[in-house]
């Protein structure tokens, strides 16, 4: 499941954007969004998703349970 950002909780600090190894996070119209096509949950890069690790507001970057887990290409 890729991560998503709960917009109503996001402070717009941009800490997550610079830490994403997949460049999956961007600002759109003043809100930060995670591109589910690019998000790999930081698999292969870090033990913990970096958006979660650096976000100053708990439970703002969360798994998007509506989408399947990331599968590493064969």
C-alpha atoms as a PDB file:
ATOM      1  CA  UNK A   1       0.000   0.000   0.000  1.00  0.00           C
ATOM      2  CA  UNK A   2       1.484   3.312  -0.901  1.00  0.00           C
ATOM      3  CA  UNK A   3       1.323   6.091   1.614  1.00  0.00           C
ATOM      4  CA  UNK A   4      -0.972   9.091   1.438  1.00  0.00           C
ATOM      5  CA  UNK A   5      -0.970  12.431   3.218  1.00  0.00           C
ATOM      6  CA  UNK A   6      -3.997  13.483   5.234  1.00  0.00           C
ATOM      7  CA  UNK A   7      -4.336  17.002   3.830  1.00  0.00           C
ATOM      8  CA  UNK A   8      -6.301  18.377   6.780  1.00  0.00           C
ATOM      9  CA  UNK A   9      -3.403  17.503   9.113  1.00  0.00           C
ATOM     10  CA  UNK A  10      -0.524  18.552   6.861  1.00  0.00           C
ATOM     11  CA  UNK A  11       1.264  21.717   8.004  1.00  0.00           C
ATOM     12  CA  UNK A  12       2.902  22.241   4.610  1.00  0.00           C
ATOM     13  CA  UNK A  13       6.406  22.104   6.095  1.00  0.00           C
ATOM     14  CA  UNK A  14       7.739  20.165   3.052  1.00  0.00           C
ATOM     15  CA  UNK A  15      10.018  17.937   5.170  1.00  0.00           C
ATOM     16  CA  UNK A  16       8.643  14.811   3.504  1.00  0.00           C
ATOM     17  CA  UNK A  17       9.131  16.053  -0.043  1.00  0.00           C
ATOM     18  CA  UNK A  18      12.905  16.295   0.231  1.00  0.00           C
ATOM     19  CA  UNK A  19      13.272  12.940   2.010  1.00  0.00           C
ATOM     20  CA  UNK A  20      11.358  10.767  -0.466  1.00  0.00           C
ATOM     21  CA  UNK A  21      13.852   8.592  -2.381  1.00  0.00           C
ATOM     22  CA  UNK A  22      11.350   8.070  -5.210  1.00  0.00           C
ATOM     23  CA  UNK A  23      10.384  11.717  -5.719  1.00  0.00           C
ATOM     24  CA  UNK A  24       6.796  10.632  -5.099  1.00  0.00           C
ATOM     25  CA  UNK A  25       5.844  13.653  -2.987  1.00  0.00           C
ATOM     26  CA  UNK A  26       5.005  17.006  -4.516  1.00  0.00           C
ATOM     27  CA  UNK A  27       3.109  20.158  -3.712  1.00  0.00           C
ATOM     28  CA  UNK A  28      -0.048  20.776  -5.688  1.00  0.00           C
ATOM     29  CA  UNK A  29      -2.101  23.911  -5.043  1.00  0.00           C
ATOM     30  CA  UNK A  30      -0.629  24.361  -1.568  1.00  0.00           C
ATOM     31  CA  UNK A  31      -1.107  20.738  -0.460  1.00  0.00           C
ATOM     32  CA  UNK A  32       1.425  17.922  -0.460  1.00  0.00           C
ATOM     33  CA  UNK A  33       0.443  14.724  -2.237  1.00  0.00           C
ATOM     34  CA  UNK A  34       2.047  11.300  -2.638  1.00  0.00           C
ATOM     35  CA  UNK A  35       1.956   9.804  -6.131  1.00  0.00           C
ATOM     36  CA  UNK A  36       0.789   6.243  -5.522  1.00  0.00           C
ATOM     37  CA  UNK A  37       2.463   5.109  -8.756  1.00  0.00           C
ATOM     38  CA  UNK A  38       5.883   6.176  -7.446  1.00  0.00           C
ATOM     39  CA  UNK A  39       5.571   5.301  -3.743  1.00  0.00           C
ATOM     40  CA  UNK A  40       7.426   2.117  -2.799  1.00  0.00           C
ATOM     41  CA  UNK A  41       7.014   2.561   0.974  1.00  0.00           C
ATOM     42  CA  UNK A  42      10.793   3.261   0.868  1.00  0.00           C
ATOM     43  CA  UNK A  43      11.428  -0.449   0.255  1.00  0.00           C
ATOM     44  CA  UNK A  44      15.046  -0.992  -0.685  1.00  0.00           C
ATOM     45  CA  UNK A  45      16.065   2.434   0.609  1.00  0.00           C
ATOM     46  CA  UNK A  46      15.149   2.664   4.298  1.00  0.00           C
ATOM     47  CA  UNK A  47      13.762   0.449   7.055  1.00  0.00           C
ATOM     48  CA  UNK A  48      11.051   3.017   7.757  1.00  0.00           C
ATOM     49  CA  UNK A  49       9.060   5.173   5.319  1.00  0.00           C
ATOM     50  CA  UNK A  50      10.778   8.535   5.378  1.00  0.00           C
ATOM     51  CA  UNK A  51       7.591  10.574   5.051  1.00  0.00           C
ATOM     52  CA  UNK A  52       6.414   9.034   8.327  1.00  0.00           C
ATOM     53  CA  UNK A  53       9.825   9.433   9.977  1.00  0.00           C
ATOM     54  CA  UNK A  54      10.187  13.161   9.262  1.00  0.00           C
ATOM     55  CA  UNK A  55       6.587  14.358   9.511  1.00  0.00           C
ATOM     56  CA  UNK A  56       6.130  16.574  12.583  1.00  0.00           C
ATOM     57  CA  UNK A  57       2.439  15.638  12.884  1.00  0.00           C
ATOM     58  CA  UNK A  58       1.666  12.054  13.906  1.00  0.00           C
ATOM     59  CA  UNK A  59      -0.589  10.033  11.598  1.00  0.00           C
ATOM     60  CA  UNK A  60      -0.417  12.507   8.717  1.00  0.00           C
ATOM     61  CA  UNK A  61       1.445  10.144   6.382  1.00  0.00           C
ATOM     62  CA  UNK A  62      -0.495   6.901   6.483  1.00  0.00           C
ATOM     63  CA  UNK A  63      -0.893   3.769   4.392  1.00  0.00           C
ATOM     64  CA  UNK A  64      -3.546   4.093   1.713  1.00  0.00           C
ATOM     65  CA  UNK A  65      -5.451   0.892   2.409  1.00  0.00           C
ATOM     66  CA  UNK A  66      -7.550   1.356  -0.739  1.00  0.00           C
ATOM     67  CA  UNK A  67      -4.533   0.439  -2.867  1.00  0.00           C
ATOM     68  CA  UNK A  68      -2.426  -2.775  -2.973  1.00  0.00           C
ATOM     69  CA  UNK A  69       0.969  -3.079  -1.314  1.00  0.00           C
ATOM     70  CA  UNK A  70       4.029  -2.225  -3.360  1.00  0.00           C
ATOM     71  CA  UNK A  71       5.456  -5.208  -5.228  1.00  0.00           C
ATOM     72  CA  UNK A  72       9.065  -5.052  -6.327  1.00  0.00           C
ATOM     73  CA  UNK A  73       9.264  -5.658 -10.118  1.00  0.00           C
ATOM     74  CA  UNK A  74      10.588  -9.091 -11.065  1.00  0.00           C
END
